[in-house]
Structure formats: C-alpha cells, structure tokens
Amino acid sequence: MQEETIVTSATRAALQSGSAEQSRLVSVAAQTAAIADVELRKLMRDPTELLTRAVQPVLWLLVFGEVFTRTRAIPTGSMSYLDFMAPGVLAQSVLFSAIFYGIAIIWERDLGIVHKLLVSPAPRSALVLGKALSAGLRGLAQAVIIIIVALILHISIRAEPIPLLGVCFAVVLGSALFSTFSLIVACLVKTRERFMGIGQVLTMPLFFASNAIYPIAIMPRWLQVIARVNPLTYLVDALRDLMIQRSVSTFGLGVDFLVLGAIFAAFIVIAARLFPGIVQ
C-alpha cells in the first residue's frame, strides 16, 4: 500500500512538472508572438520601407544579371546566369535588410521602449525570438517581390507548393538569423554611428564571400574556406535548390538547414544574454 502511494505521488509530481513545463512553453510562445505582432504593426503603418529595400535587389537582377548573362563570364554549367543569380539576390536582400535591424533596437533604447520590455515578465529569449520572427516575416514580403520580378524575366522558378514553402521557410530562417546577429552587434556597440559603420563593413564581405553571384568552385582556395563557414552560403544553397528548376544543392538541404538552425540557436542564446546590457 505504501509503495502504491509513493508511485502515485511520483506520477502526480511528474504530471504536474510536465504540465508546468508545457504551460511555460505556451507562455513563451505567446510572448514571442506578441513582440512579433508589435513589430509587424509598425511595418503595416509604413510599408514604404519594403518597397525601397526591394529596389537594390531588383536592380541587381535587371542590370548585373542581364549583363553577365550575355557575357557568359561566370561558368554556371547548364543553368543560365540569371537562374543561378536569382536565389543569391534573394539571399542578398535578406542579408541587407536584416543586418541593419539592430539599429531599430538602439532607437528603441533611446526612446525608453527597451527599458519597458526588460522590466516585463517575458524572458529575454522571447524578446529576441519575437524580433527575429518579425524580421523573418519582413523578409517574406521582399521574397514575393523578387520572385515576381524573376518570373517577369523568365527565370526558371519552381512553382510547386512544397518548394515554395521551403523557400519561405529558408527566407524566414535566414532573416531571423541575420537580424539576431545584428542585435548582438547593436548590444556590443550601443551607438547608431558605430553600428552603421560596422554594418557597412559586414554586409559586403558576407555577400561577396559566398556563392551568391559565383560558384564556390571558381573561388581561390582561401576564399573557398571563408565561403564554407559563411552562413549566407548555406542560405543561398538552400534557396537555389528550392527555387530553380534542375538545380541541385551543393551541400544538401539537410546540411543547409542544420547549419542555419544551429547558428541561429547559438545567436539566440548570445543575444538573450547581451540584450539587457544595451541599456547600460
């Protein structure tokens, strides 16, 4: 009888612990969604930001892509250069939009908004995840514009539902990753002037040291090493496989998403630790 009582108590404790953990996860998810909703409402009030940020990638396709398609200066196998370049331009758009996301955090710090967030009961990870999710959804809006332009240019886009869903997932994950990296930089530098300078320094090396506009195989050996540790390379590789007909991933979609997911998880942990320090 005593043993049955002990077993029953242990079972009840385990159920209560599981219920508490489930409740905590639901609470974190709700808080994350609330932060993302606030960020998206800002975008809905002023959608011109999306249009202005879409100008540069569209110009890359219309000017750079068209010229290099005619010159055939970069070997891309049986794929046309425009087909090869389109996923890289989409990844570039994701990078350039997300990498300057941290400056908004500095503005919010100066306005006192970050102080209010930090005294709320929401865990720091939920605050960071919410902002990363909103950046991911912003990236989706730009992806739609670029895909429409790609279709107008007769780029061989895969129009099946599953590949398109994969593209959406990759864009959200890439935007979330680079926006979280931007948040880490903002927490370290803490001023708009320093952040703008570092942001300019980071974007172009990340873009050119990737497979966005030329294959890894034609890079010098030292640049190939850098490209293989560059998260943008894996984002481009996943997008190219999912977006373009007859394209095959260099590393494999599983490896691409595993690398991106692992880096994103590490950035979330780092950003959650550094986030309170931005107000100091």
C-alpha atoms as a PDB file:
ATOM      1  CA  MET A   1       0.000   0.000   0.000  1.00  0.00           C
ATOM      2  CA  GLN A   2       2.828   2.354   0.898  1.00  0.00           C
ATOM      3  CA  GLU A   3       4.614   1.541  -2.367  1.00  0.00           C
ATOM      4  CA  GLU A   4       1.441   2.306  -4.349  1.00  0.00           C
ATOM      5  CA  THR A   5       1.135   5.646  -2.560  1.00  0.00           C
ATOM      6  CA  ILE A   6       4.758   6.507  -3.396  1.00  0.00           C
ATOM      7  CA  VAL A   7       4.245   5.566  -7.061  1.00  0.00           C
ATOM      8  CA  THR A   8       1.033   7.603  -7.248  1.00  0.00           C
ATOM      9  CA  SER A   9       2.740  10.637  -5.691  1.00  0.00           C
ATOM     10  CA  ALA A  10       5.664  10.322  -8.082  1.00  0.00           C
ATOM     11  CA  THR A  11       3.294  10.060 -11.065  1.00  0.00           C
ATOM     12  CA  ARG A  12       1.320  13.089  -9.914  1.00  0.00           C
ATOM     13  CA  ALA A  13       4.536  15.096  -9.450  1.00  0.00           C
ATOM     14  CA  ALA A  14       5.723  14.118 -12.924  1.00  0.00           C
ATOM     15  CA  LEU A  15       2.398  15.135 -14.465  1.00  0.00           C
ATOM     16  CA  GLN A  16       2.450  18.441 -12.628  1.00  0.00           C
ATOM     17  CA  SER A  17       6.031  19.064 -13.739  1.00  0.00           C
ATOM     18  CA  GLY A  18       5.125  18.246 -17.342  1.00  0.00           C
ATOM     19  CA  SER A  19       2.069  20.474 -17.169  1.00  0.00           C
ATOM     20  CA  ALA A  20       4.122  23.345 -15.745  1.00  0.00           C
ATOM     21  CA  GLU A  21       6.738  22.947 -18.487  1.00  0.00           C
ATOM     22  CA  GLN A  22       4.043  22.880 -21.161  1.00  0.00           C
ATOM     23  CA  SER A  23       2.426  25.977 -19.667  1.00  0.00           C
ATOM     24  CA  ARG A  24       5.786  27.760 -19.654  1.00  0.00           C
ATOM     25  CA  LEU A  25       6.404  26.926 -23.319  1.00  0.00           C
ATOM     26  CA  VAL A  26       2.944  28.159 -24.274  1.00  0.00           C
ATOM     27  CA  SER A  27       3.584  31.368 -22.352  1.00  0.00           C
ATOM     28  CA  VAL A  28       6.941  31.933 -24.092  1.00  0.00           C
ATOM     29  CA  ALA A  29       5.322  31.281 -27.491  1.00  0.00           C
ATOM     30  CA  ALA A  30       2.543  33.781 -26.729  1.00  0.00           C
ATOM     31  CA  GLN A  31       5.047  36.419 -25.584  1.00  0.00           C
ATOM     32  CA  THR A  32       7.174  35.836 -28.695  1.00  0.00           C
ATOM     33  CA  ALA A  33       4.116  36.248 -30.920  1.00  0.00           C
ATOM     34  CA  ALA A  34       3.148  39.449 -29.088  1.00  0.00           C
ATOM     35  CA  ILE A  35       6.578  41.010 -29.710  1.00  0.00           C
ATOM     36  CA  ALA A  36       6.442  39.977 -33.386  1.00  0.00           C
ATOM     37  CA  ASP A  37       2.937  41.419 -33.707  1.00  0.00           C
ATOM     38  CA  VAL A  38       4.089  44.795 -32.365  1.00  0.00           C
ATOM     39  CA  GLU A  39       6.962  44.887 -34.862  1.00  0.00           C
ATOM     40  CA  LEU A  40       4.706  43.944 -37.788  1.00  0.00           C
ATOM     41  CA  ARG A  41       2.180  46.639 -36.881  1.00  0.00           C
ATOM     42  CA  LYS A  42       4.980  49.190 -37.339  1.00  0.00           C
ATOM     43  CA  LEU A  43       5.602  47.806 -40.820  1.00  0.00           C
ATOM     44  CA  MET A  44       1.912  47.905 -41.745  1.00  0.00           C
ATOM     45  CA  ARG A  45       1.744  51.577 -40.811  1.00  0.00           C
ATOM     46  CA  ASP A  46       4.669  52.377 -43.120  1.00  0.00           C
ATOM     47  CA  PRO A  47       5.131  49.718 -45.852  1.00  0.00           C
ATOM     48  CA  THR A  48       7.313  52.009 -47.984  1.00  0.00           C
ATOM     49  CA  GLU A  49      10.385  50.541 -46.269  1.00  0.00           C
ATOM     50  CA  LEU A  50       9.787  47.221 -48.026  1.00  0.00           C
ATOM     51  CA  LEU A  51       9.493  48.872 -51.426  1.00  0.00           C
ATOM     52  CA  THR A  52      12.642  50.948 -51.023  1.00  0.00           C
ATOM     53  CA  ARG A  53      14.634  47.928 -49.824  1.00  0.00           C
ATOM     54  CA  ALA A  54      13.418  45.930 -52.827  1.00  0.00           C
ATOM     55  CA  VAL A  55      14.902  48.417 -55.315  1.00  0.00           C
ATOM     56  CA  GLN A  56      18.513  47.279 -54.922  1.00  0.00           C
ATOM     57  CA  PRO A  57      17.953  43.524 -55.498  1.00  0.00           C
ATOM     58  CA  VAL A  58      15.696  44.274 -58.475  1.00  0.00           C
ATOM     59  CA  LEU A  59      18.485  46.390 -59.989  1.00  0.00           C
ATOM     60  CA  TRP A  60      20.948  43.536 -59.430  1.00  0.00           C
ATOM     61  CA  LEU A  61      18.702  41.239 -61.465  1.00  0.00           C
ATOM     62  CA  LEU A  62      17.854  43.753 -64.190  1.00  0.00           C
ATOM     63  CA  VAL A  63      21.340  45.214 -64.683  1.00  0.00           C
ATOM     64  CA  PHE A  64      24.075  42.964 -63.290  1.00  0.00           C
ATOM     65  CA  GLY A  65      22.256  39.736 -64.066  1.00  0.00           C
ATOM     66  CA  GLU A  66      21.304  40.658 -67.626  1.00  0.00           C
ATOM     67  CA  VAL A  67      24.810  41.883 -68.487  1.00  0.00           C
ATOM     68  CA  PHE A  68      26.626  38.827 -67.119  1.00  0.00           C
ATOM     69  CA  THR A  69      24.101  36.507 -68.758  1.00  0.00           C
ATOM     70  CA  ARG A  70      25.099  37.970 -72.137  1.00  0.00           C
ATOM     71  CA  THR A  71      28.854  37.965 -71.495  1.00  0.00           C
ATOM     72  CA  ARG A  72      28.886  34.400 -70.086  1.00  0.00           C
ATOM     73  CA  ALA A  73      31.848  35.458 -67.957  1.00  0.00           C
ATOM     74  CA  ILE A  74      30.931  33.228 -64.994  1.00  0.00           C
ATOM     75  CA  PRO A  75      30.575  29.472 -65.607  1.00  0.00           C
ATOM     76  CA  THR A  76      27.298  28.118 -64.190  1.00  0.00           C
ATOM     77  CA  GLY A  77      27.028  24.846 -66.109  1.00  0.00           C
ATOM     78  CA  SER A  78      23.750  24.175 -67.889  1.00  0.00           C
ATOM     79  CA  MET A  79      21.988  26.855 -65.842  1.00  0.00           C
ATOM     80  CA  SER A  80      21.696  30.400 -67.169  1.00  0.00           C
ATOM     81  CA  TYR A  81      23.421  33.061 -65.105  1.00  0.00           C
ATOM     82  CA  LEU A  82      20.107  34.762 -64.280  1.00  0.00           C
ATOM     83  CA  ASP A  83      18.781  31.455 -62.932  1.00  0.00           C
ATOM     84  CA  PHE A  84      21.964  30.997 -60.923  1.00  0.00           C
ATOM     85  CA  MET A  85      21.918  34.543 -59.592  1.00  0.00           C
ATOM     86  CA  ALA A  86      18.243  34.937 -58.604  1.00  0.00           C
ATOM     87  CA  PRO A  87      18.486  32.937 -55.326  1.00  0.00           C
ATOM     88  CA  GLY A  88      21.681  34.824 -54.475  1.00  0.00           C
ATOM     89  CA  VAL A  89      19.922  38.144 -54.975  1.00  0.00           C
ATOM     90  CA  LEU A  90      17.073  36.993 -52.729  1.00  0.00           C
ATOM     91  CA  ALA A  91      19.617  35.974 -50.072  1.00  0.00           C
ATOM     92  CA  GLN A  92      21.334  39.339 -50.508  1.00  0.00           C
ATOM     93  CA  SER A  93      18.025  41.097 -49.912  1.00  0.00           C
ATOM     94  CA  VAL A  94      17.511  39.039 -46.751  1.00  0.00           C
ATOM     95  CA  LEU A  95      21.004  39.877 -45.532  1.00  0.00           C
ATOM     96  CA  PHE A  96      20.943  43.596 -46.291  1.00  0.00           C
ATOM     97  CA  SER A  97      17.527  44.085 -44.682  1.00  0.00           C
ATOM     98  CA  ALA A  98      18.230  42.029 -41.574  1.00  0.00           C
ATOM     99  CA  ILE A  99      21.788  43.183 -40.877  1.00  0.00           C
ATOM    100  CA  PHE A 100      20.611  46.734 -40.132  1.00  0.00           C
ATOM    101  CA  TYR A 101      17.755  45.546 -37.931  1.00  0.00           C
ATOM    102  CA  GLY A 102      19.836  46.237 -34.834  1.00  0.00           C
ATOM    103  CA  ILE A 103      19.715  49.987 -35.381  1.00  0.00           C
ATOM    104  CA  ALA A 104      15.989  49.854 -34.548  1.00  0.00           C
ATOM    105  CA  ILE A 105      16.930  48.366 -31.163  1.00  0.00           C
ATOM    106  CA  ILE A 106      19.220  51.311 -30.490  1.00  0.00           C
ATOM    107  CA  TRP A 107      16.400  53.722 -31.417  1.00  0.00           C
ATOM    108  CA  GLU A 108      14.053  51.853 -29.067  1.00  0.00           C
ATOM    109  CA  ARG A 109      16.683  52.059 -26.324  1.00  0.00           C
ATOM    110  CA  ASP A 110      16.921  55.817 -26.777  1.00  0.00           C
ATOM    111  CA  LEU A 111      13.116  56.144 -26.674  1.00  0.00           C
ATOM    112  CA  GLY A 112      12.867  54.074 -23.492  1.00  0.00           C
ATOM    113  CA  ILE A 113      10.992  51.188 -25.123  1.00  0.00           C
ATOM    114  CA  VAL A 114      13.692  48.626 -24.367  1.00  0.00           C
ATOM    115  CA  HIS A 115      13.603  49.551 -20.673  1.00  0.00           C
ATOM    116  CA  LYS A 116       9.876  48.750 -20.598  1.00  0.00           C
ATOM    117  CA  LEU A 117      10.439  45.418 -22.334  1.00  0.00           C
ATOM    118  CA  LEU A 118      13.167  44.437 -19.907  1.00  0.00           C
ATOM    119  CA  VAL A 119      11.009  45.013 -16.826  1.00  0.00           C
ATOM    120  CA  SER A 120       8.202  42.881 -18.289  1.00  0.00           C
ATOM    121  CA  PRO A 121       7.883  39.249 -17.115  1.00  0.00           C
ATOM    122  CA  ALA A 122       8.729  37.968 -20.610  1.00  0.00           C
ATOM    123  CA  PRO A 123      12.020  36.025 -20.714  1.00  0.00           C
ATOM    124  CA  ARG A 124      14.844  37.611 -22.698  1.00  0.00           C
ATOM    125  CA  SER A 125      14.777  34.735 -25.195  1.00  0.00           C
ATOM    126  CA  ALA A 126      11.123  35.534 -26.012  1.00  0.00           C
ATOM    127  CA  LEU A 127      12.003  39.179 -26.672  1.00  0.00           C
ATOM    128  CA  VAL A 128      14.822  38.191 -29.011  1.00  0.00           C
ATOM    129  CA  LEU A 129      12.774  35.482 -30.742  1.00  0.00           C
ATOM    130  CA  GLY A 130       9.864  37.867 -31.278  1.00  0.00           C
ATOM    131  CA  LYS A 131      12.071  40.408 -33.006  1.00  0.00           C
ATOM    132  CA  ALA A 132      13.737  37.670 -35.072  1.00  0.00           C
ATOM    133  CA  LEU A 133      10.339  36.338 -36.153  1.00  0.00           C
ATOM    134  CA  SER A 134       9.171  39.787 -37.239  1.00  0.00           C
ATOM    135  CA  ALA A 135      12.362  40.215 -39.278  1.00  0.00           C
ATOM    136  CA  GLY A 136      11.667  36.841 -40.895  1.00  0.00           C
ATOM    137  CA  LEU A 137       8.178  37.899 -41.924  1.00  0.00           C
ATOM    138  CA  ARG A 138       9.575  41.135 -43.367  1.00  0.00           C
ATOM    139  CA  GLY A 139      11.918  39.013 -45.454  1.00  0.00           C
ATOM    140  CA  LEU A 140       8.939  37.108 -46.849  1.00  0.00           C
ATOM    141  CA  ALA A 141       7.438  40.304 -48.228  1.00  0.00           C
ATOM    142  CA  GLN A 142      10.650  41.067 -50.108  1.00  0.00           C
ATOM    143  CA  ALA A 143      10.843  37.482 -51.352  1.00  0.00           C
ATOM    144  CA  VAL A 144       7.447  37.886 -53.014  1.00  0.00           C
ATOM    145  CA  ILE A 145       8.641  40.979 -54.898  1.00  0.00           C
ATOM    146  CA  ILE A 146      11.846  39.308 -56.081  1.00  0.00           C
ATOM    147  CA  ILE A 147      10.055  36.146 -57.211  1.00  0.00           C
ATOM    148  CA  ILE A 148       7.569  38.232 -59.225  1.00  0.00           C
ATOM    149  CA  VAL A 149      10.459  40.077 -60.926  1.00  0.00           C
ATOM    150  CA  ALA A 150      12.183  36.729 -61.559  1.00  0.00           C
ATOM    151  CA  LEU A 151       9.058  35.386 -63.266  1.00  0.00           C
ATOM    152  CA  ILE A 152       8.861  38.519 -65.445  1.00  0.00           C
ATOM    153  CA  LEU A 153      12.480  37.902 -66.503  1.00  0.00           C
ATOM    154  CA  HIS A 154      11.576  34.271 -67.391  1.00  0.00           C
ATOM    155  CA  ILE A 155      13.796  32.815 -64.696  1.00  0.00           C
ATOM    156  CA  SER A 156      13.077  29.102 -64.211  1.00  0.00           C
ATOM    157  CA  ILE A 157      11.288  29.359 -60.876  1.00  0.00           C
ATOM    158  CA  ARG A 158       9.840  26.168 -59.374  1.00  0.00           C
ATOM    159  CA  ALA A 159       6.174  26.979 -58.852  1.00  0.00           C
ATOM    160  CA  GLU A 160       5.209  23.818 -56.912  1.00  0.00           C
ATOM    161  CA  PRO A 161       3.728  24.406 -53.426  1.00  0.00           C
ATOM    162  CA  ILE A 162       6.293  22.372 -51.451  1.00  0.00           C
ATOM    163  CA  PRO A 163       9.405  24.075 -52.927  1.00  0.00           C
ATOM    164  CA  LEU A 164       7.772  27.486 -52.458  1.00  0.00           C
ATOM    165  CA  LEU A 165       7.021  26.655 -48.816  1.00  0.00           C
ATOM    166  CA  GLY A 166      10.651  25.612 -48.472  1.00  0.00           C
ATOM    167  CA  VAL A 167      11.746  28.969 -49.921  1.00  0.00           C
ATOM    168  CA  CYS A 168       9.507  30.759 -47.409  1.00  0.00           C
ATOM    169  CA  PHE A 169      10.978  28.774 -44.527  1.00  0.00           C
ATOM    170  CA  ALA A 170      14.543  29.432 -45.694  1.00  0.00           C
ATOM    171  CA  VAL A 171      13.858  33.179 -46.047  1.00  0.00           C
ATOM    172  CA  VAL A 172      12.305  33.394 -42.574  1.00  0.00           C
ATOM    173  CA  LEU A 173      15.171  31.425 -41.027  1.00  0.00           C
ATOM    174  CA  GLY A 174      17.834  33.470 -42.838  1.00  0.00           C
ATOM    175  CA  SER A 175      16.222  36.786 -41.918  1.00  0.00           C
ATOM    176  CA  ALA A 176      15.847  35.696 -38.295  1.00  0.00           C
ATOM    177  CA  LEU A 177      19.479  34.566 -38.167  1.00  0.00           C
ATOM    178  CA  PHE A 178      20.982  37.763 -39.563  1.00  0.00           C
ATOM    179  CA  SER A 179      18.645  40.041 -37.590  1.00  0.00           C
ATOM    180  CA  THR A 180      19.705  38.263 -34.383  1.00  0.00           C
ATOM    181  CA  PHE A 181      23.339  38.718 -35.398  1.00  0.00           C
ATOM    182  CA  SER A 182      22.534  42.396 -35.951  1.00  0.00           C
ATOM    183  CA  LEU A 183      21.002  42.570 -32.475  1.00  0.00           C
ATOM    184  CA  ILE A 184      24.197  41.121 -30.993  1.00  0.00           C
ATOM    185  CA  VAL A 185      26.269  43.776 -32.774  1.00  0.00           C
ATOM    186  CA  ALA A 186      23.909  46.512 -31.542  1.00  0.00           C
ATOM    187  CA  CYS A 187      24.226  45.267 -27.949  1.00  0.00           C
ATOM    188  CA  LEU A 188      28.017  45.424 -28.238  1.00  0.00           C
ATOM    189  CA  VAL A 189      28.480  48.805 -29.954  1.00  0.00           C
ATOM    190  CA  LYS A 190      25.415  50.574 -28.407  1.00  0.00           C
ATOM    191  CA  THR A 191      25.526  53.668 -30.640  1.00  0.00           C
ATOM    192  CA  ARG A 192      23.973  54.339 -34.049  1.00  0.00           C
ATOM    193  CA  GLU A 193      27.161  55.782 -35.526  1.00  0.00           C
ATOM    194  CA  ARG A 194      29.289  52.763 -34.636  1.00  0.00           C
ATOM    195  CA  PHE A 195      26.572  50.366 -35.711  1.00  0.00           C
ATOM    196  CA  MET A 196      26.193  51.935 -39.158  1.00  0.00           C
ATOM    197  CA  GLY A 197      29.930  51.751 -39.723  1.00  0.00           C
ATOM    198  CA  ILE A 198      30.175  48.109 -38.663  1.00  0.00           C
ATOM    199  CA  GLY A 199      27.047  47.205 -40.629  1.00  0.00           C
ATOM    200  CA  GLN A 200      28.582  48.587 -43.813  1.00  0.00           C
ATOM    201  CA  VAL A 201      31.787  46.672 -43.135  1.00  0.00           C
ATOM    202  CA  LEU A 202      29.980  43.367 -42.551  1.00  0.00           C
ATOM    203  CA  THR A 203      27.465  43.253 -45.384  1.00  0.00           C
ATOM    204  CA  MET A 204      29.706  43.325 -48.449  1.00  0.00           C
ATOM    205  CA  PRO A 205      32.277  40.746 -47.203  1.00  0.00           C
ATOM    206  CA  LEU A 206      29.449  38.385 -46.216  1.00  0.00           C
ATOM    207  CA  PHE A 207      27.861  38.802 -49.656  1.00  0.00           C
ATOM    208  CA  PHE A 208      30.970  38.519 -51.805  1.00  0.00           C
ATOM    209  CA  ALA A 209      32.492  35.711 -49.694  1.00  0.00           C
ATOM    210  CA  SER A 210      29.543  33.464 -50.542  1.00  0.00           C
ATOM    211  CA  ASN A 211      28.167  31.577 -53.516  1.00  0.00           C
ATOM    212  CA  ALA A 212      25.535  34.266 -54.225  1.00  0.00           C
ATOM    213  CA  ILE A 213      26.906  35.538 -57.546  1.00  0.00           C
ATOM    214  CA  TYR A 214      29.570  32.969 -58.473  1.00  0.00           C
ATOM    215  CA  PRO A 215      30.160  29.278 -57.718  1.00  0.00           C
ATOM    216  CA  ILE A 216      32.457  28.257 -54.883  1.00  0.00           C
ATOM    217  CA  ALA A 217      34.459  26.116 -57.334  1.00  0.00           C
ATOM    218  CA  ILE A 218      35.906  29.135 -59.167  1.00  0.00           C
ATOM    219  CA  MET A 219      36.987  30.935 -55.973  1.00  0.00           C
ATOM    220  CA  PRO A 220      40.619  30.927 -54.827  1.00  0.00           C
ATOM    221  CA  ARG A 221      41.339  28.348 -52.121  1.00  0.00           C
ATOM    222  CA  TRP A 222      41.413  30.823 -49.220  1.00  0.00           C
ATOM    223  CA  LEU A 223      38.062  32.310 -50.256  1.00  0.00           C
ATOM    224  CA  GLN A 224      36.521  28.845 -50.527  1.00  0.00           C
ATOM    225  CA  VAL A 225      37.406  28.258 -46.875  1.00  0.00           C
ATOM    226  CA  ILE A 226      35.704  31.507 -45.845  1.00  0.00           C
ATOM    227  CA  ALA A 227      32.660  30.751 -48.003  1.00  0.00           C
ATOM    228  CA  ARG A 228      32.174  27.382 -46.312  1.00  0.00           C
ATOM    229  CA  VAL A 229      31.955  28.974 -42.859  1.00  0.00           C
ATOM    230  CA  ASN A 230      29.740  31.822 -44.091  1.00  0.00           C
ATOM    231  CA  PRO A 231      26.067  31.201 -43.157  1.00  0.00           C
ATOM    232  CA  LEU A 232      24.932  33.137 -46.244  1.00  0.00           C
ATOM    233  CA  THR A 233      26.472  30.392 -48.402  1.00  0.00           C
ATOM    234  CA  TYR A 234      24.136  27.798 -46.908  1.00  0.00           C
ATOM    235  CA  LEU A 235      21.123  30.078 -47.266  1.00  0.00           C
ATOM    236  CA  VAL A 236      21.919  30.634 -50.962  1.00  0.00           C
ATOM    237  CA  ASP A 237      22.498  26.915 -51.485  1.00  0.00           C
ATOM    238  CA  ALA A 238      19.095  26.047 -49.973  1.00  0.00           C
ATOM    239  CA  LEU A 239      17.294  28.769 -51.931  1.00  0.00           C
ATOM    240  CA  ARG A 240      18.949  27.748 -55.197  1.00  0.00           C
ATOM    241  CA  ASP A 241      17.869  24.128 -54.774  1.00  0.00           C
ATOM    242  CA  LEU A 242      14.308  25.072 -53.788  1.00  0.00           C
ATOM    243  CA  MET A 243      13.748  27.967 -56.219  1.00  0.00           C
ATOM    244  CA  ILE A 244      15.329  26.968 -59.515  1.00  0.00           C
ATOM    245  CA  GLN A 245      14.368  24.095 -61.782  1.00  0.00           C
ATOM    246  CA  ARG A 246      17.064  21.469 -62.411  1.00  0.00           C
ATOM    247  CA  SER A 247      19.231  22.942 -59.640  1.00  0.00           C
ATOM    248  CA  VAL A 248      20.903  20.645 -57.114  1.00  0.00           C
ATOM    249  CA  SER A 249      22.147  21.656 -53.671  1.00  0.00           C
ATOM    250  CA  THR A 250      25.920  21.580 -53.246  1.00  0.00           C
ATOM    251  CA  PHE A 251      25.817  20.592 -49.589  1.00  0.00           C
ATOM    252  CA  GLY A 252      22.326  19.032 -49.356  1.00  0.00           C
ATOM    253  CA  LEU A 253      19.204  20.682 -47.973  1.00  0.00           C
ATOM    254  CA  GLY A 254      19.554  18.814 -44.685  1.00  0.00           C
ATOM    255  CA  VAL A 255      23.038  20.221 -44.129  1.00  0.00           C
ATOM    256  CA  ASP A 256      21.950  23.720 -45.193  1.00  0.00           C
ATOM    257  CA  PHE A 257      19.072  23.892 -42.707  1.00  0.00           C
ATOM    258  CA  LEU A 258      21.062  22.165 -39.967  1.00  0.00           C
ATOM    259  CA  VAL A 259      23.863  24.728 -40.231  1.00  0.00           C
ATOM    260  CA  LEU A 260      21.462  27.681 -40.385  1.00  0.00           C
ATOM    261  CA  GLY A 261      19.392  26.341 -37.467  1.00  0.00           C
ATOM    262  CA  ALA A 262      22.450  25.679 -35.306  1.00  0.00           C
ATOM    263  CA  ILE A 263      23.892  29.159 -35.914  1.00  0.00           C
ATOM    264  CA  PHE A 264      20.501  30.756 -35.250  1.00  0.00           C
ATOM    265  CA  ALA A 265      20.119  28.867 -31.966  1.00  0.00           C
ATOM    266  CA  ALA A 266      23.605  29.963 -30.871  1.00  0.00           C
ATOM    267  CA  PHE A 267      22.837  33.581 -31.782  1.00  0.00           C
ATOM    268  CA  ILE A 268      19.572  33.473 -29.791  1.00  0.00           C
ATOM    269  CA  VAL A 269      21.440  32.336 -26.674  1.00  0.00           C
ATOM    270  CA  ILE A 270      24.120  35.022 -27.099  1.00  0.00           C
ATOM    271  CA  ALA A 271      21.601  37.788 -27.894  1.00  0.00           C
ATOM    272  CA  ALA A 272      19.405  36.868 -24.910  1.00  0.00           C
ATOM    273  CA  ARG A 273      22.417  37.249 -22.613  1.00  0.00           C
ATOM    274  CA  LEU A 274      23.584  40.521 -24.155  1.00  0.00           C
ATOM    275  CA  PHE A 275      20.179  42.178 -24.606  1.00  0.00           C
ATOM    276  CA  PRO A 276      19.877  43.645 -21.079  1.00  0.00           C
ATOM    277  CA  GLY A 277      23.311  45.240 -21.482  1.00  0.00           C
ATOM    278  CA  ILE A 278      22.140  47.545 -24.269  1.00  0.00           C
ATOM    279  CA  VAL A 279      20.561  49.898 -21.721  1.00  0.00           C
ATOM    280  CA  GLN A 280      23.735  50.252 -19.674  1.00  0.00           C
END
